[in-house]
Each structure stands twice: as C-alpha cells, then as structure tokens.
Amino acid sequence: MRVLLADDEHLIRGALAALLALEDDLRVVAEAASGPEALAMARAHRPDVAVLDLQMPGMDGVAVATSLRAELPGCRTMIVTSHGRPGHLKRALEAGVRGFVPKTVSAQRLAEIIRAVHGGSRYVDPELAADAISAGDSPLTAREAELLELAEGGTPIAEIAERASLTQGTVRNYLSAAAAKLGAENRHAAVRIARERGWL
C-alpha cells in the first residue's frame, strides 16, 4: 500500500514515516509539509491512501481531501488531528474523507486504520464522533460563515465588503446576524466561537 504523509510538524511526520516503514505492507512514498505540497506529491506519486493533518499551511487537510477526491478518485483520504472539533468532522465526511483520527492514536492502530480505509471501510474515532453529535450542526449560513472567515484577524468592514462584492451595510447585517446566532457580543467573538466549534 502506497501512503502519502502530510503534516507541517516535521518531527511528527518523520516519526510516523519511520514507524509505518516497519509495516511489511505499507510504504510511505511521499511526505509533505503543507496543503499545496501534499496535492503536488499526491499528483506525482499517486498514493493509495493520503494521511493528512487537519491544519496545515496553504490548505487544510479537508481542502486537500476535496481536491484529491476530484483529481485522484482512487486515493483514499484520512485526517489526523489534534483539533477534533465537531464542524471539522462534518466537513471531512462531506469531502469524502474515510478516516478521522486523533494524533494520540498509536502507530500500530494507525496502520490498522490505513489498511481498513484502503479496503473501503470508514473509521471515525468514537470520542470525536460523540463530540460532533453533541455539538450539533452550525447555525450559520454559508454566506455568514464566509464573511466571518473574512473578518478573522480584525479585517475592516470596507475590505470585507470589497472582497465579498457586497455593500458595507450588507456585510454588517450578515456579521451581526452571525454574532446573534452564536450569542457573541461582536464579530470578533463570533469568529472565535465559530472557529472553536469547527464551523469555520
């Protein structure tokens, strides 16, 4: 089985590659430190399974999985994460990800999950699944979520309006609606809450 490992933490990626190399039936054919690099490596090496970190520079693991699903449908994808927030799991499953596991999983267990995913099964860590069920779905519309993402880091309303091709008043309305739905006192708090729950 040909495996791609993508994680921006070099120590973790290197350790995983070394541990998976001990398995007779698994071969790490490529490693990547960012989302764009993971895509490039997948195109070049055509792995059977791509093991993707959720949070990477350039593109997150879910965005990479979405692209791989379109470009390399034979490549199965898995997400490993230390941030198993409910919204992330839902987005990952919608992107066709077959495995969703915490970074606390042992290398031996990871190898078993890679084999299962390669064989067509799906594996979601039970604790992450339970958290996702209890948190429920995001109350935000796609447009509200998009504008909250643009507002992250304190981007001025005028800039958000220009980037979203909307009037400043419309942007303010969307952001205040999002803040109200999340019970946040302002758009900055709304971004933080939505990010914590994995809805952005």
Foldseek 3Di string as FASTA:
>chain_A
DEEEEEALPVVLSVVLQVLQVVDPVYHHPYYYNALVRSLVVCVVPVGQEYEAEQDGPPHGQLVSLLVCCVVPVNYAYEYEYQQLFLLSVVSNVVSRHQYYYYSVDDSVVVSVQRVCVSVPHGYYPPVSVVNNVVVDDQPADPVLLVLLVVCEPNDDLVVSCVVVVHDSVVSLVSQVVQCVSQVHPGSHVSSVSCVSNNVD
